[in-house]
């Protein structure tokens, strides 16, 4: 701030230097004027100038230091109070800008909220004909056709489910209810929902749950599990998916191991990025949102996700749950 202040006053300091040099020149040319006296007088003037600048610095920069340290909270009431004419001009301008930005932000938030509500309403309306389609498909006797239709129905259903959670995830911390979850029940339910897809691809499940209860939010944990299981099914063929749970170092861990195509080493650091799709397997239907939303949903639940993969041999996702005492303070505990 001192450097900025001196730069701002550079023209005044330059003028003072010029006048000092002019006075010294006059004293040098006019021998009747004592040069030594002029020199001492200038030293006194420069000393007074330094004291003046020091005192003015603290007064003139107080307001601007306050602005620099002002938390950009869009709250004009937290701005420092001005006490100089130019400061009042800056203060009024900042207040007007804050009011304008607050109005714009409020309008955009309202529009986004309305758009989210309309989209969620549309998704719920679409689910009604989807349910009717499922009932109709159950009456189809041609098993090949039935499996194909069920698979396509499942894809639409999961895309809608992902879209719902994508819109809700912004407010996930207000939507948590932490409770005991019975793993066998939740896992079996998710496997049943993927049954037709698994049958089509010749995929089975091996389940070994040494720990059967976890503490989390049922709705969001189910979403995380669904994304990981659907990913495992999507990239596997004629093989088994292993689901295991264990207690290690006081943390419950769930391992989801598939024997699919695996993840290329260069893709591994980016698999949780928004919109990222494999650079090896070019799936035009992939949105790159599944693992991104999974990671985002796991963070407020304090679930750590680790990935190990061997290209061509399979991938293992590990969910590590927090200890019970680490859940203190979360909604519903």
C-alpha atoms as a PDB file:
ATOM      1  CA  UNK A   1       0.000   0.000   0.000  1.00  0.00           C
ATOM      2  CA  UNK A   2       2.930   2.401   0.717  1.00  0.00           C
ATOM      3  CA  UNK A   3       4.313   1.893  -2.781  1.00  0.00           C
ATOM      4  CA  UNK A   4       0.891   2.585  -4.293  1.00  0.00           C
ATOM      5  CA  UNK A   5       0.497   5.718  -2.178  1.00  0.00           C
ATOM      6  CA  UNK A   6       3.918   7.076  -3.206  1.00  0.00           C
ATOM      7  CA  UNK A   7       3.120   6.316  -6.845  1.00  0.00           C
ATOM      8  CA  UNK A   8      -0.136   8.250  -6.474  1.00  0.00           C
ATOM      9  CA  UNK A   9       1.738  11.243  -4.991  1.00  0.00           C
ATOM     10  CA  UNK A  10       4.604  11.011  -7.468  1.00  0.00           C
ATOM     11  CA  UNK A  11       3.583  14.196  -9.312  1.00  0.00           C
ATOM     12  CA  UNK A  12       3.551  16.235  -6.076  1.00  0.00           C
ATOM     13  CA  UNK A  13       6.881  14.795  -4.941  1.00  0.00           C
ATOM     14  CA  UNK A  14       8.310  15.464  -8.410  1.00  0.00           C
ATOM     15  CA  UNK A  15       7.133  19.071  -8.235  1.00  0.00           C
ATOM     16  CA  UNK A  16       8.803  19.439  -4.829  1.00  0.00           C
ATOM     17  CA  UNK A  17      12.056  17.996  -6.198  1.00  0.00           C
ATOM     18  CA  UNK A  18      11.901  20.384  -9.165  1.00  0.00           C
ATOM     19  CA  UNK A  19      11.329  23.399  -6.917  1.00  0.00           C
ATOM     20  CA  UNK A  20      14.200  22.300  -4.655  1.00  0.00           C
ATOM     21  CA  UNK A  21      16.543  22.008  -7.616  1.00  0.00           C
ATOM     22  CA  UNK A  22      15.397  25.405  -8.890  1.00  0.00           C
ATOM     23  CA  UNK A  23      16.055  26.989  -5.502  1.00  0.00           C
ATOM     24  CA  UNK A  24      19.518  25.424  -5.348  1.00  0.00           C
ATOM     25  CA  UNK A  25      20.243  26.673  -8.870  1.00  0.00           C
ATOM     26  CA  UNK A  26      19.211  30.237  -7.947  1.00  0.00           C
ATOM     27  CA  UNK A  27      21.413  30.095  -4.855  1.00  0.00           C
ATOM     28  CA  UNK A  28      24.307  28.778  -6.945  1.00  0.00           C
ATOM     29  CA  UNK A  29      23.953  31.497  -9.596  1.00  0.00           C
ATOM     30  CA  UNK A  30      23.262  34.388  -7.208  1.00  0.00           C
ATOM     31  CA  UNK A  31      26.304  34.591  -4.937  1.00  0.00           C
ATOM     32  CA  UNK A  32      24.557  37.062  -2.639  1.00  0.00           C
ATOM     33  CA  UNK A  33      22.306  34.222  -1.423  1.00  0.00           C
ATOM     34  CA  UNK A  34      24.058  31.927   1.094  1.00  0.00           C
ATOM     35  CA  UNK A  35      24.099  28.475  -0.523  1.00  0.00           C
ATOM     36  CA  UNK A  36      24.576  26.668   2.796  1.00  0.00           C
ATOM     37  CA  UNK A  37      21.531  28.339   4.333  1.00  0.00           C
ATOM     38  CA  UNK A  38      19.395  27.378   1.340  1.00  0.00           C
ATOM     39  CA  UNK A  39      20.665  23.807   1.579  1.00  0.00           C
ATOM     40  CA  UNK A  40      19.767  23.545   5.274  1.00  0.00           C
ATOM     41  CA  UNK A  41      16.403  25.129   4.587  1.00  0.00           C
ATOM     42  CA  UNK A  42      15.693  22.511   1.913  1.00  0.00           C
ATOM     43  CA  UNK A  43      16.699  19.729   4.311  1.00  0.00           C
ATOM     44  CA  UNK A  44      14.153  21.099   6.770  1.00  0.00           C
ATOM     45  CA  UNK A  45      11.516  21.259   4.047  1.00  0.00           C
ATOM     46  CA  UNK A  46      12.199  17.621   3.038  1.00  0.00           C
ATOM     47  CA  UNK A  47      12.000  16.529   6.671  1.00  0.00           C
ATOM     48  CA  UNK A  48       8.641  18.266   7.001  1.00  0.00           C
ATOM     49  CA  UNK A  49       7.518  16.689   3.731  1.00  0.00           C
ATOM     50  CA  UNK A  50       8.371  13.204   4.999  1.00  0.00           C
ATOM     51  CA  UNK A  51       6.489  13.815   8.261  1.00  0.00           C
ATOM     52  CA  UNK A  52       3.547  15.216   6.291  1.00  0.00           C
ATOM     53  CA  UNK A  53       3.463  12.204   3.949  1.00  0.00           C
ATOM     54  CA  UNK A  54       3.663   9.820   6.895  1.00  0.00           C
ATOM     55  CA  UNK A  55       0.707  11.449   8.652  1.00  0.00           C
ATOM     56  CA  UNK A  56      -1.353  11.809   5.474  1.00  0.00           C
ATOM     57  CA  UNK A  57      -0.625   8.245   4.431  1.00  0.00           C
ATOM     58  CA  UNK A  58      -2.501   6.747   7.374  1.00  0.00           C
ATOM     59  CA  UNK A  59      -5.410   9.133   6.991  1.00  0.00           C
ATOM     60  CA  UNK A  60      -5.763   9.012   3.212  1.00  0.00           C
ATOM     61  CA  UNK A  61      -5.345   5.252   2.861  1.00  0.00           C
ATOM     62  CA  UNK A  62      -7.597   4.231   5.770  1.00  0.00           C
ATOM     63  CA  UNK A  63     -10.674   3.963   3.542  1.00  0.00           C
ATOM     64  CA  UNK A  64      -8.877   2.156   0.725  1.00  0.00           C
ATOM     65  CA  UNK A  65      -7.248  -0.285   3.152  1.00  0.00           C
ATOM     66  CA  UNK A  66     -10.747  -0.999   4.430  1.00  0.00           C
ATOM     67  CA  UNK A  67     -11.969  -1.669   0.884  1.00  0.00           C
ATOM     68  CA  UNK A  68      -9.008  -3.978   0.243  1.00  0.00           C
ATOM     69  CA  UNK A  69      -9.826  -5.980   3.362  1.00  0.00           C
ATOM     70  CA  UNK A  70     -13.571  -5.797   2.738  1.00  0.00           C
ATOM     71  CA  UNK A  71     -15.139  -9.223   2.499  1.00  0.00           C
ATOM     72  CA  UNK A  72     -16.842  -9.458  -0.875  1.00  0.00           C
ATOM     73  CA  UNK A  73     -20.086 -10.540   0.745  1.00  0.00           C
ATOM     74  CA  UNK A  74     -22.315  -8.420  -1.473  1.00  0.00           C
ATOM     75  CA  UNK A  75     -23.265  -6.498   1.675  1.00  0.00           C
ATOM     76  CA  UNK A  76     -22.781  -2.746   1.236  1.00  0.00           C
ATOM     77  CA  UNK A  77     -23.292  -2.147   4.961  1.00  0.00           C
ATOM     78  CA  UNK A  78     -19.885  -3.707   5.696  1.00  0.00           C
ATOM     79  CA  UNK A  79     -18.053  -1.144   3.561  1.00  0.00           C
ATOM     80  CA  UNK A  80     -15.784   1.213   5.536  1.00  0.00           C
ATOM     81  CA  UNK A  81     -17.163   4.690   6.192  1.00  0.00           C
ATOM     82  CA  UNK A  82     -15.707   7.474   3.976  1.00  0.00           C
ATOM     83  CA  UNK A  83     -14.598  10.857   5.346  1.00  0.00           C
ATOM     84  CA  UNK A  84     -13.175  12.602   2.265  1.00  0.00           C
ATOM     85  CA  UNK A  85     -14.908  13.924  -0.899  1.00  0.00           C
ATOM     86  CA  UNK A  86     -13.325  11.438  -3.312  1.00  0.00           C
ATOM     87  CA  UNK A  87     -13.983   8.603  -0.885  1.00  0.00           C
ATOM     88  CA  UNK A  88     -17.680   9.515  -0.880  1.00  0.00           C
ATOM     89  CA  UNK A  89     -17.715   9.254  -4.682  1.00  0.00           C
ATOM     90  CA  UNK A  90     -16.084   5.792  -4.547  1.00  0.00           C
ATOM     91  CA  UNK A  91     -18.392   4.743  -1.699  1.00  0.00           C
ATOM     92  CA  UNK A  92     -21.560   5.699  -3.578  1.00  0.00           C
ATOM     93  CA  UNK A  93     -20.338   3.956  -6.719  1.00  0.00           C
ATOM     94  CA  UNK A  94     -19.542   0.759  -4.813  1.00  0.00           C
ATOM     95  CA  UNK A  95     -22.896   0.786  -3.061  1.00  0.00           C
ATOM     96  CA  UNK A  96     -24.718   1.186  -6.367  1.00  0.00           C
ATOM     97  CA  UNK A  97     -22.708  -1.660  -7.893  1.00  0.00           C
ATOM     98  CA  UNK A  98     -23.433  -3.926  -4.920  1.00  0.00           C
ATOM     99  CA  UNK A  99     -27.155  -3.147  -5.121  1.00  0.00           C
ATOM    100  CA  UNK A 100     -27.151  -3.870  -8.860  1.00  0.00           C
ATOM    101  CA  UNK A 101     -25.261  -7.150  -8.419  1.00  0.00           C
ATOM    102  CA  UNK A 102     -27.572  -8.209  -5.596  1.00  0.00           C
ATOM    103  CA  UNK A 103     -30.626  -7.557  -7.767  1.00  0.00           C
ATOM    104  CA  UNK A 104     -29.078  -9.426 -10.697  1.00  0.00           C
ATOM    105  CA  UNK A 105     -28.026 -12.319  -8.485  1.00  0.00           C
ATOM    106  CA  UNK A 106     -31.483 -12.564  -6.900  1.00  0.00           C
ATOM    107  CA  UNK A 107     -33.167 -12.546 -10.318  1.00  0.00           C
ATOM    108  CA  UNK A 108     -30.855 -15.258 -11.645  1.00  0.00           C
ATOM    109  CA  UNK A 109     -31.286 -17.407  -8.551  1.00  0.00           C
ATOM    110  CA  UNK A 110     -35.042 -17.099  -8.852  1.00  0.00           C
ATOM    111  CA  UNK A 111     -34.881 -18.034 -12.547  1.00  0.00           C
ATOM    112  CA  UNK A 112     -32.619 -21.005 -11.791  1.00  0.00           C
ATOM    113  CA  UNK A 113     -34.893 -22.160  -8.979  1.00  0.00           C
ATOM    114  CA  UNK A 114     -37.912 -21.898 -11.262  1.00  0.00           C
ATOM    115  CA  UNK A 115     -36.102 -23.802 -14.010  1.00  0.00           C
ATOM    116  CA  UNK A 116     -35.078 -26.505 -11.526  1.00  0.00           C
ATOM    117  CA  UNK A 117     -38.646 -26.853 -10.235  1.00  0.00           C
ATOM    118  CA  UNK A 118     -40.013 -27.068 -13.774  1.00  0.00           C
ATOM    119  CA  UNK A 119     -37.441 -29.699 -14.745  1.00  0.00           C
ATOM    120  CA  UNK A 120     -38.100 -31.780 -11.626  1.00  0.00           C
ATOM    121  CA  UNK A 121     -41.835 -31.516 -12.259  1.00  0.00           C
ATOM    122  CA  UNK A 122     -41.325 -32.646 -15.866  1.00  0.00           C
ATOM    123  CA  UNK A 123     -39.170 -35.589 -14.755  1.00  0.00           C
ATOM    124  CA  UNK A 124     -41.816 -36.731 -12.282  1.00  0.00           C
ATOM    125  CA  UNK A 125     -44.448 -36.479 -15.011  1.00  0.00           C
ATOM    126  CA  UNK A 126     -42.294 -38.539 -17.382  1.00  0.00           C
ATOM    127  CA  UNK A 127     -41.954 -41.238 -14.726  1.00  0.00           C
ATOM    128  CA  UNK A 128     -45.700 -41.935 -14.926  1.00  0.00           C
ATOM    129  CA  UNK A 129     -45.632 -43.217 -18.537  1.00  0.00           C
ATOM    130  CA  UNK A 130     -42.373 -45.032 -17.735  1.00  0.00           C
ATOM    131  CA  UNK A 131     -44.140 -46.943 -14.982  1.00  0.00           C
ATOM    132  CA  UNK A 132     -46.963 -47.757 -17.397  1.00  0.00           C
ATOM    133  CA  UNK A 133     -44.404 -48.949 -19.957  1.00  0.00           C
ATOM    134  CA  UNK A 134     -42.842 -51.237 -17.373  1.00  0.00           C
ATOM    135  CA  UNK A 135     -46.215 -52.850 -16.659  1.00  0.00           C
ATOM    136  CA  UNK A 136     -46.812 -53.316 -20.387  1.00  0.00           C
ATOM    137  CA  UNK A 137     -43.364 -54.864 -20.899  1.00  0.00           C
ATOM    138  CA  UNK A 138     -44.033 -57.431 -18.178  1.00  0.00           C
ATOM    139  CA  UNK A 139     -46.831 -58.868 -20.382  1.00  0.00           C
ATOM    140  CA  UNK A 140     -44.537 -59.356 -23.394  1.00  0.00           C
ATOM    141  CA  UNK A 141     -43.916 -63.071 -24.005  1.00  0.00           C
ATOM    142  CA  UNK A 142     -40.990 -62.694 -26.413  1.00  0.00           C
ATOM    143  CA  UNK A 143     -38.099 -62.751 -23.903  1.00  0.00           C
ATOM    144  CA  UNK A 144     -35.527 -61.334 -26.337  1.00  0.00           C
ATOM    145  CA  UNK A 145     -37.734 -58.368 -27.169  1.00  0.00           C
ATOM    146  CA  UNK A 146     -38.655 -57.975 -23.517  1.00  0.00           C
ATOM    147  CA  UNK A 147     -35.002 -57.829 -22.430  1.00  0.00           C
ATOM    148  CA  UNK A 148     -34.151 -55.290 -25.141  1.00  0.00           C
ATOM    149  CA  UNK A 149     -37.075 -53.033 -24.219  1.00  0.00           C
ATOM    150  CA  UNK A 150     -36.327 -53.376 -20.512  1.00  0.00           C
ATOM    151  CA  UNK A 151     -32.711 -52.416 -21.123  1.00  0.00           C
ATOM    152  CA  UNK A 152     -33.699 -49.259 -23.023  1.00  0.00           C
ATOM    153  CA  UNK A 153     -36.325 -48.483 -20.391  1.00  0.00           C
ATOM    154  CA  UNK A 154     -33.651 -48.816 -17.697  1.00  0.00           C
ATOM    155  CA  UNK A 155     -31.326 -46.413 -19.543  1.00  0.00           C
ATOM    156  CA  UNK A 156     -34.053 -43.750 -19.693  1.00  0.00           C
ATOM    157  CA  UNK A 157     -34.952 -44.351 -16.054  1.00  0.00           C
ATOM    158  CA  UNK A 158     -31.321 -43.955 -14.905  1.00  0.00           C
ATOM    159  CA  UNK A 159     -30.782 -40.829 -17.007  1.00  0.00           C
ATOM    160  CA  UNK A 160     -33.837 -39.240 -15.395  1.00  0.00           C
ATOM    161  CA  UNK A 161     -32.638 -40.327 -11.956  1.00  0.00           C
ATOM    162  CA  UNK A 162     -29.214 -38.778 -12.591  1.00  0.00           C
ATOM    163  CA  UNK A 163     -30.856 -35.568 -13.767  1.00  0.00           C
ATOM    164  CA  UNK A 164     -32.968 -35.353 -10.599  1.00  0.00           C
ATOM    165  CA  UNK A 165     -29.950 -35.794  -8.350  1.00  0.00           C
ATOM    166  CA  UNK A 166     -27.891 -33.351 -10.404  1.00  0.00           C
ATOM    167  CA  UNK A 167     -30.469 -30.642  -9.731  1.00  0.00           C
ATOM    168  CA  UNK A 168     -30.777 -31.522  -6.056  1.00  0.00           C
ATOM    169  CA  UNK A 169     -27.082 -31.898  -5.324  1.00  0.00           C
ATOM    170  CA  UNK A 170     -26.576 -28.131  -4.965  1.00  0.00           C
ATOM    171  CA  UNK A 171     -28.697 -28.266  -1.820  1.00  0.00           C
ATOM    172  CA  UNK A 172     -27.559 -31.699  -0.631  1.00  0.00           C
ATOM    173  CA  UNK A 173     -26.477 -30.519   2.826  1.00  0.00           C
ATOM    174  CA  UNK A 174     -30.068 -29.410   3.515  1.00  0.00           C
ATOM    175  CA  UNK A 175     -31.361 -32.774   2.272  1.00  0.00           C
ATOM    176  CA  UNK A 176     -29.422 -35.172   4.517  1.00  0.00           C
ATOM    177  CA  UNK A 177     -30.902 -37.512   7.097  1.00  0.00           C
ATOM    178  CA  UNK A 178     -28.273 -39.761   8.659  1.00  0.00           C
ATOM    179  CA  UNK A 179     -29.508 -43.177   9.773  1.00  0.00           C
ATOM    180  CA  UNK A 180     -28.547 -46.837   9.955  1.00  0.00           C
ATOM    181  CA  UNK A 181     -28.628 -48.465   6.507  1.00  0.00           C
ATOM    182  CA  UNK A 182     -29.003 -52.223   6.078  1.00  0.00           C
ATOM    183  CA  UNK A 183     -26.539 -52.988   3.297  1.00  0.00           C
ATOM    184  CA  UNK A 184     -27.916 -56.354   2.094  1.00  0.00           C
ATOM    185  CA  UNK A 185     -31.347 -54.840   1.544  1.00  0.00           C
ATOM    186  CA  UNK A 186     -30.114 -51.744  -0.326  1.00  0.00           C
ATOM    187  CA  UNK A 187     -27.620 -53.684  -2.458  1.00  0.00           C
ATOM    188  CA  UNK A 188     -30.190 -56.356  -3.358  1.00  0.00           C
ATOM    189  CA  UNK A 189     -32.679 -53.677  -4.376  1.00  0.00           C
ATOM    190  CA  UNK A 190     -30.158 -52.003  -6.684  1.00  0.00           C
ATOM    191  CA  UNK A 191     -29.100 -55.321  -8.220  1.00  0.00           C
ATOM    192  CA  UNK A 192     -32.747 -56.180  -8.919  1.00  0.00           C
ATOM    193  CA  UNK A 193     -33.205 -52.869 -10.724  1.00  0.00           C
ATOM    194  CA  UNK A 194     -30.250 -53.782 -12.999  1.00  0.00           C
ATOM    195  CA  UNK A 195     -31.349 -57.399 -13.493  1.00  0.00           C
ATOM    196  CA  UNK A 196     -32.448 -57.150 -17.127  1.00  0.00           C
ATOM    197  CA  UNK A 197     -29.267 -55.346 -18.135  1.00  0.00           C
ATOM    198  CA  UNK A 198     -27.124 -57.897 -16.298  1.00  0.00           C
ATOM    199  CA  UNK A 199     -28.950 -60.809 -17.928  1.00  0.00           C
ATOM    200  CA  UNK A 200     -28.395 -59.271 -21.342  1.00  0.00           C
ATOM    201  CA  UNK A 201     -24.654 -58.939 -20.687  1.00  0.00           C
ATOM    202  CA  UNK A 202     -24.199 -62.223 -18.822  1.00  0.00           C
ATOM    203  CA  UNK A 203     -23.178 -60.543 -15.573  1.00  0.00           C
ATOM    204  CA  UNK A 204     -23.609 -62.025 -12.105  1.00  0.00           C
ATOM    205  CA  UNK A 205     -22.887 -60.798  -8.593  1.00  0.00           C
ATOM    206  CA  UNK A 206     -20.859 -62.239  -5.732  1.00  0.00           C
ATOM    207  CA  UNK A 207     -21.679 -60.625  -2.406  1.00  0.00           C
ATOM    208  CA  UNK A 208     -19.623 -60.984   0.773  1.00  0.00           C
ATOM    209  CA  UNK A 209     -20.752 -58.561   3.462  1.00  0.00           C
ATOM    210  CA  UNK A 210     -18.818 -58.907   6.705  1.00  0.00           C
ATOM    211  CA  UNK A 211     -20.354 -55.593   7.797  1.00  0.00           C
ATOM    212  CA  UNK A 212     -24.068 -55.230   7.184  1.00  0.00           C
ATOM    213  CA  UNK A 213     -24.862 -51.796   8.681  1.00  0.00           C
ATOM    214  CA  UNK A 214     -23.504 -48.358   7.785  1.00  0.00           C
ATOM    215  CA  UNK A 215     -24.403 -44.885   9.000  1.00  0.00           C
ATOM    216  CA  UNK A 216     -25.297 -42.535   6.134  1.00  0.00           C
ATOM    217  CA  UNK A 217     -28.136 -40.909   4.199  1.00  0.00           C
ATOM    218  CA  UNK A 218     -30.170 -43.651   2.490  1.00  0.00           C
ATOM    219  CA  UNK A 219     -31.258 -41.602  -0.513  1.00  0.00           C
ATOM    220  CA  UNK A 220     -27.807 -40.280  -1.436  1.00  0.00           C
ATOM    221  CA  UNK A 221     -25.908 -43.445  -0.522  1.00  0.00           C
ATOM    222  CA  UNK A 222     -28.279 -45.378  -2.798  1.00  0.00           C
ATOM    223  CA  UNK A 223     -27.544 -42.913  -5.596  1.00  0.00           C
ATOM    224  CA  UNK A 224     -23.778 -43.394  -5.129  1.00  0.00           C
ATOM    225  CA  UNK A 225     -24.170 -47.180  -5.090  1.00  0.00           C
ATOM    226  CA  UNK A 226     -26.392 -47.107  -8.188  1.00  0.00           C
ATOM    227  CA  UNK A 227     -23.862 -45.070 -10.150  1.00  0.00           C
ATOM    228  CA  UNK A 228     -20.956 -47.364  -9.251  1.00  0.00           C
ATOM    229  CA  UNK A 229     -22.920 -50.558  -9.965  1.00  0.00           C
ATOM    230  CA  UNK A 230     -24.218 -49.272 -13.298  1.00  0.00           C
ATOM    231  CA  UNK A 231     -20.674 -48.265 -14.229  1.00  0.00           C
ATOM    232  CA  UNK A 232     -19.425 -51.737 -13.352  1.00  0.00           C
ATOM    233  CA  UNK A 233     -22.163 -53.380 -15.443  1.00  0.00           C
ATOM    234  CA  UNK A 234     -21.672 -50.968 -18.327  1.00  0.00           C
ATOM    235  CA  UNK A 235     -17.982 -51.781 -18.757  1.00  0.00           C
ATOM    236  CA  UNK A 236     -18.178 -55.526 -18.039  1.00  0.00           C
ATOM    237  CA  UNK A 237     -19.204 -58.517 -20.143  1.00  0.00           C
ATOM    238  CA  UNK A 238     -19.826 -62.171 -19.188  1.00  0.00           C
ATOM    239  CA  UNK A 239     -18.217 -61.863 -15.769  1.00  0.00           C
ATOM    240  CA  UNK A 240     -19.049 -61.396 -12.099  1.00  0.00           C
ATOM    241  CA  UNK A 241     -19.088 -58.214 -10.037  1.00  0.00           C
ATOM    242  CA  UNK A 242     -17.854 -58.675  -6.470  1.00  0.00           C
ATOM    243  CA  UNK A 243     -19.335 -56.600  -3.659  1.00  0.00           C
ATOM    244  CA  UNK A 244     -17.582 -56.867  -0.296  1.00  0.00           C
ATOM    245  CA  UNK A 245     -17.690 -55.012   3.002  1.00  0.00           C
ATOM    246  CA  UNK A 246     -15.228 -55.046   5.889  1.00  0.00           C
ATOM    247  CA  UNK A 247     -14.105 -53.131   8.948  1.00  0.00           C
ATOM    248  CA  UNK A 248     -10.594 -51.709   8.712  1.00  0.00           C
ATOM    249  CA  UNK A 249      -8.955 -49.233  11.103  1.00  0.00           C
ATOM    250  CA  UNK A 250     -12.354 -48.444  12.596  1.00  0.00           C
ATOM    251  CA  UNK A 251     -13.864 -47.563   9.196  1.00  0.00           C
ATOM    252  CA  UNK A 252     -16.397 -49.625   7.267  1.00  0.00           C
ATOM    253  CA  UNK A 253     -15.306 -50.162   3.686  1.00  0.00           C
ATOM    254  CA  UNK A 254     -17.316 -51.361   0.704  1.00  0.00           C
ATOM    255  CA  UNK A 255     -15.453 -52.700  -2.340  1.00  0.00           C
ATOM    256  CA  UNK A 256     -17.122 -52.948  -5.745  1.00  0.00           C
ATOM    257  CA  UNK A 257     -14.854 -54.980  -8.007  1.00  0.00           C
ATOM    258  CA  UNK A 258     -15.611 -55.703 -11.656  1.00  0.00           C
ATOM    259  CA  UNK A 259     -13.678 -57.658 -14.275  1.00  0.00           C
ATOM    260  CA  UNK A 260     -14.329 -55.246 -17.113  1.00  0.00           C
ATOM    261  CA  UNK A 261     -12.181 -53.177 -19.422  1.00  0.00           C
ATOM    262  CA  UNK A 262     -10.621 -51.147 -16.617  1.00  0.00           C
ATOM    263  CA  UNK A 263      -9.498 -47.513 -16.691  1.00  0.00           C
ATOM    264  CA  UNK A 264      -6.465 -46.322 -18.609  1.00  0.00           C
ATOM    265  CA  UNK A 265      -3.703 -44.860 -16.424  1.00  0.00           C
ATOM    266  CA  UNK A 266      -3.811 -41.479 -18.160  1.00  0.00           C
ATOM    267  CA  UNK A 267      -7.565 -41.211 -17.488  1.00  0.00           C
ATOM    268  CA  UNK A 268      -7.372 -42.117 -13.792  1.00  0.00           C
ATOM    269  CA  UNK A 269      -6.667 -38.598 -12.421  1.00  0.00           C
ATOM    270  CA  UNK A 270      -9.645 -37.168 -14.348  1.00  0.00           C
ATOM    271  CA  UNK A 271     -12.440 -39.714 -13.933  1.00  0.00           C
ATOM    272  CA  UNK A 272     -14.252 -37.586 -11.324  1.00  0.00           C
ATOM    273  CA  UNK A 273     -14.096 -34.384 -13.384  1.00  0.00           C
ATOM    274  CA  UNK A 274     -17.324 -32.916 -14.705  1.00  0.00           C
ATOM    275  CA  UNK A 275     -18.078 -34.062 -18.251  1.00  0.00           C
ATOM    276  CA  UNK A 276     -14.962 -36.245 -18.590  1.00  0.00           C
ATOM    277  CA  UNK A 277     -15.354 -39.406 -20.680  1.00  0.00           C
ATOM    278  CA  UNK A 278     -12.829 -42.106 -21.440  1.00  0.00           C
ATOM    279  CA  UNK A 279     -10.134 -41.281 -23.981  1.00  0.00           C
ATOM    280  CA  UNK A 280      -9.894 -44.979 -24.850  1.00  0.00           C
ATOM    281  CA  UNK A 281     -13.539 -46.132 -24.990  1.00  0.00           C
ATOM    282  CA  UNK A 282     -15.429 -43.582 -27.093  1.00  0.00           C
ATOM    283  CA  UNK A 283     -19.007 -44.007 -25.893  1.00  0.00           C
ATOM    284  CA  UNK A 284     -21.179 -41.384 -27.605  1.00  0.00           C
ATOM    285  CA  UNK A 285     -23.946 -41.928 -25.055  1.00  0.00           C
ATOM    286  CA  UNK A 286     -21.649 -41.169 -22.101  1.00  0.00           C
ATOM    287  CA  UNK A 287     -22.281 -37.825 -20.402  1.00  0.00           C
ATOM    288  CA  UNK A 288     -19.316 -37.820 -18.026  1.00  0.00           C
ATOM    289  CA  UNK A 289     -21.616 -36.856 -15.140  1.00  0.00           C
ATOM    290  CA  UNK A 290     -22.025 -40.157 -13.261  1.00  0.00           C
ATOM    291  CA  UNK A 291     -18.721 -40.302 -11.378  1.00  0.00           C
ATOM    292  CA  UNK A 292     -18.630 -36.509 -11.042  1.00  0.00           C
ATOM    293  CA  UNK A 293     -21.976 -36.519  -9.206  1.00  0.00           C
ATOM    294  CA  UNK A 294     -20.913 -39.581  -7.219  1.00  0.00           C
ATOM    295  CA  UNK A 295     -17.838 -37.797  -5.876  1.00  0.00           C
ATOM    296  CA  UNK A 296     -19.808 -34.637  -5.207  1.00  0.00           C
ATOM    297  CA  UNK A 297     -22.511 -36.541  -3.298  1.00  0.00           C
ATOM    298  CA  UNK A 298     -19.906 -38.462  -1.271  1.00  0.00           C
ATOM    299  CA  UNK A 299     -18.190 -35.325   0.048  1.00  0.00           C
ATOM    300  CA  UNK A 300     -20.944 -34.036   2.414  1.00  0.00           C
ATOM    301  CA  UNK A 301     -21.512 -37.654   3.540  1.00  0.00           C
ATOM    302  CA  UNK A 302     -17.778 -37.808   4.379  1.00  0.00           C
ATOM    303  CA  UNK A 303     -17.427 -40.950   2.286  1.00  0.00           C
ATOM    304  CA  UNK A 304     -13.990 -41.316   0.740  1.00  0.00           C
ATOM    305  CA  UNK A 305     -13.839 -42.948  -2.706  1.00  0.00           C
ATOM    306  CA  UNK A 306     -10.681 -44.723  -3.854  1.00  0.00           C
ATOM    307  CA  UNK A 307     -10.160 -46.304  -7.262  1.00  0.00           C
ATOM    308  CA  UNK A 308      -7.776 -49.023  -8.365  1.00  0.00           C
ATOM    309  CA  UNK A 309      -7.800 -50.273 -11.933  1.00  0.00           C
ATOM    310  CA  UNK A 310      -5.847 -52.582 -14.174  1.00  0.00           C
ATOM    311  CA  UNK A 311      -6.660 -51.936 -17.872  1.00  0.00           C
ATOM    312  CA  UNK A 312      -8.140 -55.025 -19.441  1.00  0.00           C
ATOM    313  CA  UNK A 313      -8.643 -56.762 -16.078  1.00  0.00           C
ATOM    314  CA  UNK A 314     -11.098 -54.610 -14.141  1.00  0.00           C
ATOM    315  CA  UNK A 315     -11.691 -51.781 -11.677  1.00  0.00           C
ATOM    316  CA  UNK A 316     -12.297 -51.650  -7.938  1.00  0.00           C
ATOM    317  CA  UNK A 317     -14.090 -48.733  -6.273  1.00  0.00           C
ATOM    318  CA  UNK A 318     -13.727 -48.557  -2.491  1.00  0.00           C
ATOM    319  CA  UNK A 319     -16.120 -46.547  -0.314  1.00  0.00           C
ATOM    320  CA  UNK A 320     -14.670 -45.705   3.104  1.00  0.00           C
ATOM    321  CA  UNK A 321     -17.267 -44.521   5.613  1.00  0.00           C
ATOM    322  CA  UNK A 322     -16.457 -42.188   8.512  1.00  0.00           C
ATOM    323  CA  UNK A 323     -16.447 -43.417  12.083  1.00  0.00           C
ATOM    324  CA  UNK A 324     -19.633 -42.891  14.042  1.00  0.00           C
ATOM    325  CA  UNK A 325     -18.108 -40.118  16.182  1.00  0.00           C
ATOM    326  CA  UNK A 326     -17.034 -38.315  12.995  1.00  0.00           C
ATOM    327  CA  UNK A 327     -20.689 -37.977  11.993  1.00  0.00           C
ATOM    328  CA  UNK A 328     -21.502 -35.744  14.958  1.00  0.00           C
ATOM    329  CA  UNK A 329     -23.123 -32.484  13.843  1.00  0.00           C
ATOM    330  CA  UNK A 330     -24.529 -33.863  10.610  1.00  0.00           C
ATOM    331  CA  UNK A 331     -28.260 -33.613   9.976  1.00  0.00           C
ATOM    332  CA  UNK A 332     -30.291 -36.420  11.491  1.00  0.00           C
ATOM    333  CA  UNK A 333     -27.557 -37.835  13.741  1.00  0.00           C
END
